[in-house]
């Protein structure tokens, strides 16, 4: 009986997380306005998460920290502005420049070509 309860709870949590993700991605796309066919526009989850894992990458952690600091669960223009000058992935390109170029601000291997 315990195993069924634990498994059921896990399924519910996964479904809740899956339902929240598209809304956040839509809000992010509205605020960031990445180039349509860019890696950033196509990657969706990889913008904030380590590919293939639920863990946040450096950019995702910066977003989470800014949201926590502002005591909000909604991504806002103020949060995007606060993160713009940061270089979350330490690749010597700030987040705003990466977003404008359509590269991933949380992946040091993804940066604008010169």
PDB file of N, CA and C in Angstrom:
ATOM      1  N   UNK A   1       0.825  -1.195   0.000  1.00  0.00           N
ATOM      2  CA  UNK A   1       0.000   0.000   0.000  1.00  0.00           C
ATOM      3  C   UNK A   1       0.872   1.264   0.000  1.00  0.00           C
ATOM      4  N   UNK A   2       1.972   1.256   0.769  1.00  0.00           N
ATOM      5  CA  UNK A   2       2.839   2.442   0.819  1.00  0.00           C
ATOM      6  C   UNK A   2       3.441   2.754  -0.541  1.00  0.00           C
ATOM      7  N   UNK A   3       3.826   1.714  -1.259  1.00  0.00           N
ATOM      8  CA  UNK A   3       4.454   1.928  -2.563  1.00  0.00           C
ATOM      9  C   UNK A   3       3.475   2.599  -3.521  1.00  0.00           C
ATOM     10  N   UNK A   4       2.217   2.169  -3.514  1.00  0.00           N
ATOM     11  CA  UNK A   4       1.204   2.777  -4.384  1.00  0.00           C
ATOM     12  C   UNK A   4       0.991   4.248  -4.019  1.00  0.00           C
ATOM     13  N   UNK A   5       0.989   4.546  -2.727  1.00  0.00           N
ATOM     14  CA  UNK A   5       0.792   5.922  -2.274  1.00  0.00           C
ATOM     15  C   UNK A   5       1.952   6.800  -2.712  1.00  0.00           C
ATOM     16  N   UNK A   6       3.157   6.294  -2.520  1.00  0.00           N
ATOM     17  CA  UNK A   6       4.358   7.062  -2.895  1.00  0.00           C
ATOM     18  C   UNK A   6       4.392   7.261  -4.412  1.00  0.00           C
ATOM     19  N   UNK A   7       4.104   6.205  -5.162  1.00  0.00           N
ATOM     20  CA  UNK A   7       4.105   6.313  -6.618  1.00  0.00           C
ATOM     21  C   UNK A   7       3.042   7.307  -7.087  1.00  0.00           C
ATOM     22  N   UNK A   8       1.869   7.247  -6.485  1.00  0.00           N
ATOM     23  CA  UNK A   8       0.797   8.181  -6.840  1.00  0.00           C
ATOM     24  C   UNK A   8       1.181   9.617  -6.565  1.00  0.00           C
ATOM     25  N   UNK A   9       1.804   9.845  -5.413  1.00  0.00           N
ATOM     26  CA  UNK A   9       2.244  11.201  -5.066  1.00  0.00           C
ATOM     27  C   UNK A   9       3.288  11.696  -6.062  1.00  0.00           C
ATOM     28  N   UNK A  10       4.195  10.809  -6.466  1.00  0.00           N
ATOM     29  CA  UNK A  10       5.221  11.183  -7.443  1.00  0.00           C
ATOM     30  C   UNK A  10       4.621  11.579  -8.774  1.00  0.00           C
ATOM     31  N   UNK A  11       3.614  10.834  -9.209  1.00  0.00           N
ATOM     32  CA  UNK A  11       2.953  11.148 -10.477  1.00  0.00           C
ATOM     33  C   UNK A  11       2.261  12.502 -10.400  1.00  0.00           C
ATOM     34  N   UNK A  12       1.587  12.765  -9.294  1.00  0.00           N
ATOM     35  CA  UNK A  12       0.901  14.049  -9.116  1.00  0.00           C
ATOM     36  C   UNK A  12       1.901  15.197  -9.157  1.00  0.00           C
ATOM     37  N   UNK A  13       3.029  15.046  -8.466  1.00  0.00           N
ATOM     38  CA  UNK A  13       4.041  16.101  -8.446  1.00  0.00           C
ATOM     39  C   UNK A  13       4.621  16.336  -9.835  1.00  0.00           C
ATOM     40  N   UNK A  14       4.892  15.271 -10.561  1.00  0.00           N
ATOM     41  CA  UNK A  14       5.428  15.416 -11.915  1.00  0.00           C
ATOM     42  C   UNK A  14       4.427  16.123 -12.824  1.00  0.00           C
ATOM     43  N   UNK A  15       3.160  15.760 -12.707  1.00  0.00           N
ATOM     44  CA  UNK A  15       2.130  16.404 -13.538  1.00  0.00           C
ATOM     45  C   UNK A  15       2.004  17.882 -13.195  1.00  0.00           C
ATOM     46  N   UNK A  16       2.069  18.215 -11.909  1.00  0.00           N
ATOM     47  CA  UNK A  16       1.972  19.619 -11.509  1.00  0.00           C
ATOM     48  C   UNK A  16       3.144  20.412 -12.068  1.00  0.00           C
ATOM     49  N   UNK A  17       4.338  19.834 -12.014  1.00  0.00           N
ATOM     50  CA  UNK A  17       5.516  20.513 -12.550  1.00  0.00           C
ATOM     51  C   UNK A  17       5.383  20.681 -14.065  1.00  0.00           C
ATOM     52  N   UNK A  18       4.879  19.651 -14.734  1.00  0.00           N
ATOM     53  CA  UNK A  18       4.728  19.724 -16.182  1.00  0.00           C
ATOM     54  C   UNK A  18       3.711  20.791 -16.579  1.00  0.00           C
ATOM     55  N   UNK A  19       2.678  20.967 -15.804  1.00  0.00           N
ATOM     56  CA  UNK A  19       1.671  21.977 -16.116  1.00  0.00           C
ATOM     57  C   UNK A  19       2.207  23.389 -15.912  1.00  0.00           C
ATOM     58  N   UNK A  20       3.085  23.567 -14.958  1.00  0.00           N
ATOM     59  CA  UNK A  20       3.615  24.896 -14.668  1.00  0.00           C
ATOM     60  C   UNK A  20       4.643  25.324 -15.716  1.00  0.00           C
ATOM     61  N   UNK A  21       5.382  24.411 -16.274  1.00  0.00           N
ATOM     62  CA  UNK A  21       6.472  24.725 -17.182  1.00  0.00           C
ATOM     63  C   UNK A  21       6.038  25.485 -18.432  1.00  0.00           C
ATOM     64  N   UNK A  22       5.031  25.055 -19.168  1.00  0.00           N
ATOM     65  CA  UNK A  22       4.661  25.804 -20.375  1.00  0.00           C
ATOM     66  C   UNK A  22       4.278  27.257 -20.101  1.00  0.00           C
ATOM     67  N   UNK A  23       3.595  27.508 -19.012  1.00  0.00           N
ATOM     68  CA  UNK A  23       3.218  28.892 -18.682  1.00  0.00           C
ATOM     69  C   UNK A  23       4.459  29.745 -18.462  1.00  0.00           C
ATOM     70  N   UNK A  24       5.435  29.198 -17.763  1.00  0.00           N
ATOM     71  CA  UNK A  24       6.672  29.933 -17.508  1.00  0.00           C
ATOM     72  C   UNK A  24       7.413  30.171 -18.821  1.00  0.00           C
ATOM     73  N   UNK A  25       7.455  29.149 -19.676  1.00  0.00           N
ATOM     74  CA  UNK A  25       8.139  29.285 -20.968  1.00  0.00           C
ATOM     75  C   UNK A  25       7.476  30.347 -21.837  1.00  0.00           C
ATOM     76  N   UNK A  26       6.163  30.382 -21.818  1.00  0.00           N
ATOM     77  CA  UNK A  26       5.434  31.384 -22.602  1.00  0.00           C
ATOM     78  C   UNK A  26       5.752  32.786 -22.095  1.00  0.00           C
ATOM     79  N   UNK A  27       5.732  32.947 -20.778  1.00  0.00           N
ATOM     80  CA  UNK A  27       6.041  34.251 -20.186  1.00  0.00           C
ATOM     81  C   UNK A  27       7.483  34.663 -20.513  1.00  0.00           C
ATOM     82  N   UNK A  28       8.403  33.700 -20.415  1.00  0.00           N
ATOM     83  CA  UNK A  28       9.800  33.987 -20.732  1.00  0.00           C
ATOM     84  C   UNK A  28       9.930  34.441 -22.189  1.00  0.00           C
ATOM     85  N   UNK A  29       9.288  33.724 -23.095  1.00  0.00           N
ATOM     86  CA  UNK A  29       9.372  34.068 -24.518  1.00  0.00           C
ATOM     87  C   UNK A  29       8.820  35.468 -24.789  1.00  0.00           C
ATOM     88  N   UNK A  30       7.745  35.830 -24.095  1.00  0.00           N
ATOM     89  CA  UNK A  30       7.179  37.179 -24.264  1.00  0.00           C
ATOM     90  C   UNK A  30       8.155  38.249 -23.811  1.00  0.00           C
ATOM     91  N   UNK A  31       8.826  37.997 -22.682  1.00  0.00           N
ATOM     92  CA  UNK A  31       9.729  39.002 -22.121  1.00  0.00           C
ATOM     93  C   UNK A  31      11.084  39.023 -22.823  1.00  0.00           C
ATOM     94  N   UNK A  32      11.628  37.853 -23.132  1.00  0.00           N
ATOM     95  CA  UNK A  32      12.967  37.786 -23.722  1.00  0.00           C
ATOM     96  C   UNK A  32      12.959  38.109 -25.211  1.00  0.00           C
ATOM     97  N   UNK A  33      11.902  37.718 -25.901  1.00  0.00           N
ATOM     98  CA  UNK A  33      11.773  37.919 -27.352  1.00  0.00           C
ATOM     99  C   UNK A  33      13.004  37.431 -28.114  1.00  0.00           C
ATOM    100  N   UNK A  34      13.355  36.140 -27.960  1.00  0.00           N
ATOM    101  CA  UNK A  34      14.527  35.632 -28.683  1.00  0.00           C
ATOM    102  C   UNK A  34      14.250  35.546 -30.179  1.00  0.00           C
ATOM    103  N   UNK A  35      15.299  35.589 -31.017  1.00  0.00           N
ATOM    104  CA  UNK A  35      15.095  35.423 -32.460  1.00  0.00           C
ATOM    105  C   UNK A  35      14.351  34.106 -32.730  1.00  0.00           C
ATOM    106  N   UNK A  36      13.405  34.112 -33.661  1.00  0.00           N
ATOM    107  CA  UNK A  36      12.498  32.970 -33.867  1.00  0.00           C
ATOM    108  C   UNK A  36      13.176  31.628 -34.105  1.00  0.00           C
ATOM    109  N   UNK A  37      14.179  31.539 -34.936  1.00  0.00           N
ATOM    110  CA  UNK A  37      14.802  30.252 -35.240  1.00  0.00           C
ATOM    111  C   UNK A  37      16.111  30.041 -34.479  1.00  0.00           C
ATOM    112  N   UNK A  38      16.290  30.724 -33.378  1.00  0.00           N
ATOM    113  CA  UNK A  38      17.535  30.621 -32.623  1.00  0.00           C
ATOM    114  C   UNK A  38      17.533  29.414 -31.690  1.00  0.00           C
ATOM    115  N   UNK A  39      18.724  29.072 -31.190  1.00  0.00           N
ATOM    116  CA  UNK A  39      18.854  27.997 -30.204  1.00  0.00           C
ATOM    117  C   UNK A  39      18.007  28.316 -28.980  1.00  0.00           C
ATOM    118  N   UNK A  40      17.971  29.562 -28.606  1.00  0.00           N
ATOM    119  CA  UNK A  40      17.210  29.977 -27.422  1.00  0.00           C
ATOM    120  C   UNK A  40      15.719  29.750 -27.620  1.00  0.00           C
ATOM    121  N   UNK A  41      15.207  30.057 -28.782  1.00  0.00           N
ATOM    122  CA  UNK A  41      13.775  29.867 -29.052  1.00  0.00           C
ATOM    123  C   UNK A  41      13.422  28.389 -29.142  1.00  0.00           C
ATOM    124  N   UNK A  42      14.321  27.583 -29.672  1.00  0.00           N
ATOM    125  CA  UNK A  42      14.057  26.160 -29.859  1.00  0.00           C
ATOM    126  C   UNK A  42      14.305  25.342 -28.597  1.00  0.00           C
ATOM    127  N   UNK A  43      15.202  25.789 -27.730  1.00  0.00           N
ATOM    128  CA  UNK A  43      15.633  24.980 -26.591  1.00  0.00           C
ATOM    129  C   UNK A  43      14.657  24.977 -25.430  1.00  0.00           C
ATOM    130  N   UNK A  44      13.858  25.984 -25.282  1.00  0.00           N
ATOM    131  CA  UNK A  44      12.857  26.122 -24.212  1.00  0.00           C
ATOM    132  C   UNK A  44      13.389  25.696 -22.839  1.00  0.00           C
ATOM    133  N   UNK A  45      13.325  24.427 -22.514  1.00  0.00           N
ATOM    134  CA  UNK A  45      13.724  23.960 -21.181  1.00  0.00           C
ATOM    135  C   UNK A  45      15.209  24.230 -20.905  1.00  0.00           C
ATOM    136  N   UNK A  46      16.058  24.069 -21.929  1.00  0.00           N
ATOM    137  CA  UNK A  46      17.497  24.236 -21.753  1.00  0.00           C
ATOM    138  C   UNK A  46      17.885  25.685 -21.473  1.00  0.00           C
ATOM    139  N   UNK A  47      16.955  26.611 -21.621  1.00  0.00           N
ATOM    140  CA  UNK A  47      17.255  27.995 -21.277  1.00  0.00           C
ATOM    141  C   UNK A  47      17.585  28.099 -19.795  1.00  0.00           C
ATOM    142  N   UNK A  48      16.836  27.381 -18.970  1.00  0.00           N
ATOM    143  CA  UNK A  48      17.004  27.471 -17.513  1.00  0.00           C
ATOM    144  C   UNK A  48      17.439  26.169 -16.852  1.00  0.00           C
ATOM    145  N   UNK A  49      17.337  25.053 -17.588  1.00  0.00           N
ATOM    146  CA  UNK A  49      17.634  23.744 -16.995  1.00  0.00           C
ATOM    147  C   UNK A  49      18.809  23.071 -17.668  1.00  0.00           C
ATOM    148  N   UNK A  50      19.478  22.205 -16.901  1.00  0.00           N
ATOM    149  CA  UNK A  50      20.525  21.357 -17.445  1.00  0.00           C
ATOM    150  C   UNK A  50      19.831  20.371 -18.381  1.00  0.00           C
ATOM    151  N   UNK A  51      20.266  20.255 -19.641  1.00  0.00           N
ATOM    152  CA  UNK A  51      19.582  19.362 -20.596  1.00  0.00           C
ATOM    153  C   UNK A  51      19.423  17.942 -20.051  1.00  0.00           C
ATOM    154  N   UNK A  52      18.191  17.444 -20.139  1.00  0.00           N
ATOM    155  CA  UNK A  52      17.891  16.086 -19.710  1.00  0.00           C
ATOM    156  C   UNK A  52      17.723  15.906 -18.211  1.00  0.00           C
ATOM    157  N   UNK A  53      17.806  17.004 -17.454  1.00  0.00           N
ATOM    158  CA  UNK A  53      17.694  16.915 -16.003  1.00  0.00           C
ATOM    159  C   UNK A  53      16.766  18.016 -15.493  1.00  0.00           C
ATOM    160  N   UNK A  54      16.162  17.804 -14.322  1.00  0.00           N
ATOM    161  CA  UNK A  54      15.315  18.860 -13.763  1.00  0.00           C
ATOM    162  C   UNK A  54      16.119  19.980 -13.084  1.00  0.00           C
ATOM    163  N   UNK A  55      17.419  19.763 -12.918  1.00  0.00           N
ATOM    164  CA  UNK A  55      18.266  20.745 -12.227  1.00  0.00           C
ATOM    165  C   UNK A  55      18.360  22.049 -13.026  1.00  0.00           C
ATOM    166  N   UNK A  56      18.408  23.155 -12.310  1.00  0.00           N
ATOM    167  CA  UNK A  56      18.567  24.457 -12.951  1.00  0.00           C
ATOM    168  C   UNK A  56      20.016  24.680 -13.339  1.00  0.00           C
ATOM    169  N   UNK A  57      20.236  25.310 -14.496  1.00  0.00           N
ATOM    170  CA  UNK A  57      21.586  25.734 -14.864  1.00  0.00           C
ATOM    171  C   UNK A  57      21.854  27.080 -14.185  1.00  0.00           C
ATOM    172  N   UNK A  58      22.984  27.691 -14.478  1.00  0.00           N
ATOM    173  CA  UNK A  58      23.363  28.945 -13.813  1.00  0.00           C
ATOM    174  C   UNK A  58      22.336  30.058 -14.046  1.00  0.00           C
ATOM    175  N   UNK A  59      21.818  30.166 -15.262  1.00  0.00           N
ATOM    176  CA  UNK A  59      20.821  31.198 -15.577  1.00  0.00           C
ATOM    177  C   UNK A  59      19.517  30.914 -14.832  1.00  0.00           C
ATOM    178  N   UNK A  60      19.100  29.674 -14.823  1.00  0.00           N
ATOM    179  CA  UNK A  60      17.890  29.288 -14.089  1.00  0.00           C
ATOM    180  C   UNK A  60      18.013  29.592 -12.605  1.00  0.00           C
ATOM    181  N   UNK A  61      19.199  29.346 -12.053  1.00  0.00           N
ATOM    182  CA  UNK A  61      19.434  29.651 -10.633  1.00  0.00           C
ATOM    183  C   UNK A  61      19.372  31.158 -10.383  1.00  0.00           C
ATOM    184  N   UNK A  62      19.894  31.943 -11.325  1.00  0.00           N
ATOM    185  CA  UNK A  62      19.819  33.401 -11.172  1.00  0.00           C
ATOM    186  C   UNK A  62      18.368  33.886 -11.238  1.00  0.00           C
ATOM    187  N   UNK A  63      17.571  33.299 -12.130  1.00  0.00           N
ATOM    188  CA  UNK A  63      16.145  33.663 -12.209  1.00  0.00           C
ATOM    189  C   UNK A  63      15.453  33.289 -10.902  1.00  0.00           C
ATOM    190  N   UNK A  64      15.696  32.064 -10.425  1.00  0.00           N
ATOM    191  CA  UNK A  64      15.057  31.604  -9.183  1.00  0.00           C
ATOM    192  C   UNK A  64      15.437  32.506  -8.006  1.00  0.00           C
ATOM    193  N   UNK A  65      16.706  32.887  -7.926  1.00  0.00           N
ATOM    194  CA  UNK A  65      17.163  33.759  -6.836  1.00  0.00           C
ATOM    195  C   UNK A  65      16.505  35.135  -6.920  1.00  0.00           C
ATOM    196  N   UNK A  66      16.400  35.678  -8.124  1.00  0.00           N
ATOM    197  CA  UNK A  66      15.766  36.996  -8.294  1.00  0.00           C
ATOM    198  C   UNK A  66      14.281  36.936  -7.939  1.00  0.00           C
ATOM    199  N   UNK A  67      13.614  35.857  -8.330  1.00  0.00           N
ATOM    200  CA  UNK A  67      12.194  35.704  -8.002  1.00  0.00           C
ATOM    201  C   UNK A  67      12.004  35.572  -6.487  1.00  0.00           C
ATOM    202  N   UNK A  68      12.902  34.829  -5.861  1.00  0.00           N
ATOM    203  CA  UNK A  68      12.817  34.659  -4.404  1.00  0.00           C
ATOM    204  C   UNK A  68      13.050  35.996  -3.703  1.00  0.00           C
ATOM    205  N   UNK A  69      14.033  36.737  -4.178  1.00  0.00           N
ATOM    206  CA  UNK A  69      14.352  38.041  -3.589  1.00  0.00           C
ATOM    207  C   UNK A  69      13.161  38.994  -3.687  1.00  0.00           C
ATOM    208  N   UNK A  70      12.460  38.951  -4.811  1.00  0.00           N
ATOM    209  CA  UNK A  70      11.300  39.822  -5.015  1.00  0.00           C
ATOM    210  C   UNK A  70       9.996  39.195  -4.506  1.00  0.00           C
ATOM    211  N   UNK A  71      10.118  38.020  -3.908  1.00  0.00           N
ATOM    212  CA  UNK A  71       8.966  37.299  -3.336  1.00  0.00           C
ATOM    213  C   UNK A  71       7.833  37.137  -4.343  1.00  0.00           C
ATOM    214  N   UNK A  72       8.202  36.621  -5.518  1.00  0.00           N
ATOM    215  CA  UNK A  72       7.208  36.390  -6.559  1.00  0.00           C
ATOM    216  C   UNK A  72       7.436  35.038  -7.208  1.00  0.00           C
ATOM    217  N   UNK A  73       6.390  34.483  -7.759  1.00  0.00           N
ATOM    218  CA  UNK A  73       6.489  33.236  -8.511  1.00  0.00           C
ATOM    219  C   UNK A  73       6.256  33.500  -9.997  1.00  0.00           C
ATOM    220  N   UNK A  74       6.208  34.771 -10.339  1.00  0.00           N
ATOM    221  CA  UNK A  74       5.965  35.169 -11.731  1.00  0.00           C
ATOM    222  C   UNK A  74       7.204  35.881 -12.280  1.00  0.00           C
ATOM    223  N   UNK A  75       7.566  35.517 -13.475  1.00  0.00           N
ATOM    224  CA  UNK A  75       8.674  36.186 -14.143  1.00  0.00           C
ATOM    225  C   UNK A  75       8.185  37.559 -14.596  1.00  0.00           C
ATOM    226  N   UNK A  76       8.937  38.590 -14.257  1.00  0.00           N
ATOM    227  CA  UNK A  76       8.519  39.960 -14.556  1.00  0.00           C
ATOM    228  C   UNK A  76       9.592  40.690 -15.367  1.00  0.00           C
ATOM    229  N   UNK A  77       9.223  41.801 -16.004  1.00  0.00           N
ATOM    230  CA  UNK A  77      10.232  42.611 -16.701  1.00  0.00           C
ATOM    231  C   UNK A  77      11.342  43.075 -15.755  1.00  0.00           C
ATOM    232  N   UNK A  78      11.006  43.351 -14.508  1.00  0.00           N
ATOM    233  CA  UNK A  78      12.020  43.793 -13.534  1.00  0.00           C
ATOM    234  C   UNK A  78      13.068  42.705 -13.300  1.00  0.00           C
ATOM    235  N   UNK A  79      12.638  41.461 -13.258  1.00  0.00           N
ATOM    236  CA  UNK A  79      13.587  40.357 -13.074  1.00  0.00           C
ATOM    237  C   UNK A  79      14.473  40.229 -14.299  1.00  0.00           C
ATOM    238  N   UNK A  80      13.879  40.302 -15.487  1.00  0.00           N
ATOM    239  CA  UNK A  80      14.676  40.213 -16.712  1.00  0.00           C
ATOM    240  C   UNK A  80      15.703  41.346 -16.782  1.00  0.00           C
ATOM    241  N   UNK A  81      15.291  42.537 -16.382  1.00  0.00           N
ATOM    242  CA  UNK A  81      16.200  43.685 -16.390  1.00  0.00           C
ATOM    243  C   UNK A  81      17.334  43.481 -15.389  1.00  0.00           C
ATOM    244  N   UNK A  82      17.003  42.949 -14.216  1.00  0.00           N
ATOM    245  CA  UNK A  82      18.017  42.718 -13.189  1.00  0.00           C
ATOM    246  C   UNK A  82      19.053  41.683 -13.631  1.00  0.00           C
ATOM    247  N   UNK A  83      18.639  40.737 -14.457  1.00  0.00           N
ATOM    248  CA  UNK A  83      19.546  39.680 -14.916  1.00  0.00           C
ATOM    249  C   UNK A  83      20.297  40.042 -16.194  1.00  0.00           C
ATOM    250  N   UNK A  84      19.877  41.087 -16.875  1.00  0.00           N
ATOM    251  CA  UNK A  84      20.424  41.436 -18.182  1.00  0.00           C
ATOM    252  C   UNK A  84      21.938  41.624 -18.190  1.00  0.00           C
ATOM    253  N   UNK A  85      22.468  42.327 -17.218  1.00  0.00           N
ATOM    254  CA  UNK A  85      23.903  42.632 -17.220  1.00  0.00           C
ATOM    255  C   UNK A  85      24.756  41.515 -16.612  1.00  0.00           C
ATOM    256  N   UNK A  86      24.111  40.519 -15.986  1.00  0.00           N
ATOM    257  CA  UNK A  86      24.858  39.390 -15.426  1.00  0.00           C
ATOM    258  C   UNK A  86      25.362  38.481 -16.537  1.00  0.00           C
ATOM    259  N   UNK A  87      26.413  37.742 -16.243  1.00  0.00           N
ATOM    260  CA  UNK A  87      26.908  36.697 -17.138  1.00  0.00           C
ATOM    261  C   UNK A  87      26.753  35.389 -16.369  1.00  0.00           C
ATOM    262  N   UNK A  88      25.559  34.853 -16.371  1.00  0.00           N
ATOM    263  CA  UNK A  88      25.235  33.687 -15.553  1.00  0.00           C
ATOM    264  C   UNK A  88      26.146  32.498 -15.813  1.00  0.00           C
ATOM    265  N   UNK A  89      26.448  32.237 -17.087  1.00  0.00           N
ATOM    266  CA  UNK A  89      27.248  31.051 -17.411  1.00  0.00           C
ATOM    267  C   UNK A  89      28.751  31.322 -17.498  1.00  0.00           C
ATOM    268  N   UNK A  90      29.150  32.537 -17.164  1.00  0.00           N
ATOM    269  CA  UNK A  90      30.576  32.925 -17.101  1.00  0.00           C
ATOM    270  C   UNK A  90      31.324  32.691 -18.411  1.00  0.00           C
ATOM    271  N   UNK A  91      30.670  32.993 -19.541  1.00  0.00           N
ATOM    272  CA  UNK A  91      31.318  32.834 -20.837  1.00  0.00           C
ATOM    273  C   UNK A  91      31.769  34.170 -21.434  1.00  0.00           C
ATOM    274  N   UNK A  92      31.782  35.199 -20.595  1.00  0.00           N
ATOM    275  CA  UNK A  92      32.224  36.552 -20.960  1.00  0.00           C
ATOM    276  C   UNK A  92      31.244  37.282 -21.892  1.00  0.00           C
ATOM    277  N   UNK A  93      29.975  36.819 -21.906  1.00  0.00           N
ATOM    278  CA  UNK A  93      28.918  37.479 -22.671  1.00  0.00           C
ATOM    279  C   UNK A  93      27.734  37.639 -21.710  1.00  0.00           C
ATOM    280  N   UNK A  94      27.249  38.879 -21.528  1.00  0.00           N
ATOM    281  CA  UNK A  94      26.159  39.066 -20.570  1.00  0.00           C
ATOM    282  C   UNK A  94      24.860  38.437 -21.069  1.00  0.00           C
ATOM    283  N   UNK A  95      23.957  38.190 -20.148  1.00  0.00           N
ATOM    284  CA  UNK A  95      22.700  37.509 -20.461  1.00  0.00           C
ATOM    285  C   UNK A  95      21.896  38.226 -21.541  1.00  0.00           C
ATOM    286  N   UNK A  96      21.836  39.555 -21.489  1.00  0.00           N
ATOM    287  CA  UNK A  96      21.068  40.314 -22.482  1.00  0.00           C
ATOM    288  C   UNK A  96      21.622  40.101 -23.884  1.00  0.00           C
ATOM    289  N   UNK A  97      22.938  40.109 -24.021  1.00  0.00           N
ATOM    290  CA  UNK A  97      23.556  39.910 -25.330  1.00  0.00           C
ATOM    291  C   UNK A  97      23.291  38.495 -25.849  1.00  0.00           C
ATOM    292  N   UNK A  98      23.314  37.513 -24.951  1.00  0.00           N
ATOM    293  CA  UNK A  98      23.036  36.136 -25.360  1.00  0.00           C
ATOM    294  C   UNK A  98      21.586  35.985 -25.813  1.00  0.00           C
ATOM    295  N   UNK A  99      20.672  36.580 -25.066  1.00  0.00           N
ATOM    296  CA  UNK A  99      19.256  36.488 -25.423  1.00  0.00           C
ATOM    297  C   UNK A  99      19.017  37.166 -26.776  1.00  0.00           C
ATOM    298  N   UNK A 100      19.603  38.339 -26.960  1.00  0.00           N
ATOM    299  CA  UNK A 100      19.438  39.071 -28.226  1.00  0.00           C
ATOM    300  C   UNK A 100      19.989  38.261 -29.398  1.00  0.00           C
ATOM    301  N   UNK A 101      21.109  37.562 -29.161  1.00  0.00           N
ATOM    302  CA  UNK A 101      21.725  36.757 -30.222  1.00  0.00           C
ATOM    303  C   UNK A 101      21.038  35.397 -30.388  1.00  0.00           C
ATOM    304  N   UNK A 102      20.197  35.031 -29.417  1.00  0.00           N
ATOM    305  CA  UNK A 102      19.497  33.751 -29.498  1.00  0.00           C
ATOM    306  C   UNK A 102      20.289  32.578 -28.966  1.00  0.00           C
ATOM    307  N   UNK A 103      21.320  32.858 -28.169  1.00  0.00           N
ATOM    308  CA  UNK A 103      22.094  31.774 -27.558  1.00  0.00           C
ATOM    309  C   UNK A 103      21.625  31.566 -26.117  1.00  0.00           C
ATOM    310  N   UNK A 104      22.079  30.493 -25.503  1.00  0.00           N
ATOM    311  CA  UNK A 104      21.609  30.103 -24.175  1.00  0.00           C
ATOM    312  C   UNK A 104      22.435  30.763 -23.069  1.00  0.00           C
ATOM    313  N   UNK A 105      21.836  31.622 -22.259  1.00  0.00           N
ATOM    314  CA  UNK A 105      22.578  32.327 -21.207  1.00  0.00           C
ATOM    315  C   UNK A 105      22.989  31.451 -20.028  1.00  0.00           C
ATOM    316  N   UNK A 106      22.554  30.204 -20.017  1.00  0.00           N
ATOM    317  CA  UNK A 106      22.943  29.294 -18.944  1.00  0.00           C
ATOM    318  C   UNK A 106      23.913  28.223 -19.396  1.00  0.00           C
ATOM    319  N   UNK A 107      24.378  28.291 -20.636  1.00  0.00           N
ATOM    320  CA  UNK A 107      25.280  27.286 -21.198  1.00  0.00           C
ATOM    321  C   UNK A 107      26.538  27.974 -21.717  1.00  0.00           C
ATOM    322  N   UNK A 108      27.686  27.754 -21.064  1.00  0.00           N
ATOM    323  CA  UNK A 108      28.918  28.436 -21.486  1.00  0.00           C
ATOM    324  C   UNK A 108      29.382  28.059 -22.896  1.00  0.00           C
ATOM    325  N   UNK A 109      28.912  26.930 -23.430  1.00  0.00           N
ATOM    326  CA  UNK A 109      29.288  26.527 -24.783  1.00  0.00           C
ATOM    327  C   UNK A 109      28.444  27.235 -25.844  1.00  0.00           C
ATOM    328  N   UNK A 110      27.341  27.845 -25.409  1.00  0.00           N
ATOM    329  CA  UNK A 110      26.441  28.523 -26.327  1.00  0.00           C
ATOM    330  C   UNK A 110      26.616  30.027 -26.166  1.00  0.00           C
ATOM    331  N   UNK A 111      27.306  30.636 -27.115  1.00  0.00           N
ATOM    332  CA  UNK A 111      27.503  32.084 -27.070  1.00  0.00           C
ATOM    333  C   UNK A 111      27.524  32.646 -28.464  1.00  0.00           C
ATOM    334  N   UNK A 112      27.239  33.920 -28.591  1.00  0.00           N
ATOM    335  CA  UNK A 112      27.194  34.531 -29.929  1.00  0.00           C
ATOM    336  C   UNK A 112      28.533  34.399 -30.646  1.00  0.00           C
ATOM    337  N   UNK A 113      28.457  34.161 -31.939  1.00  0.00           N
ATOM    338  CA  UNK A 113      29.699  34.150 -32.725  1.00  0.00           C
ATOM    339  C   UNK A 113      30.147  35.580 -32.916  1.00  0.00           C
ATOM    340  N   UNK A 114      31.413  35.774 -33.091  1.00  0.00           N
ATOM    341  CA  UNK A 114      31.965  37.124 -33.191  1.00  0.00           C
ATOM    342  C   UNK A 114      31.820  37.709 -34.551  1.00  0.00           C
TER     343      UNK A 114
END
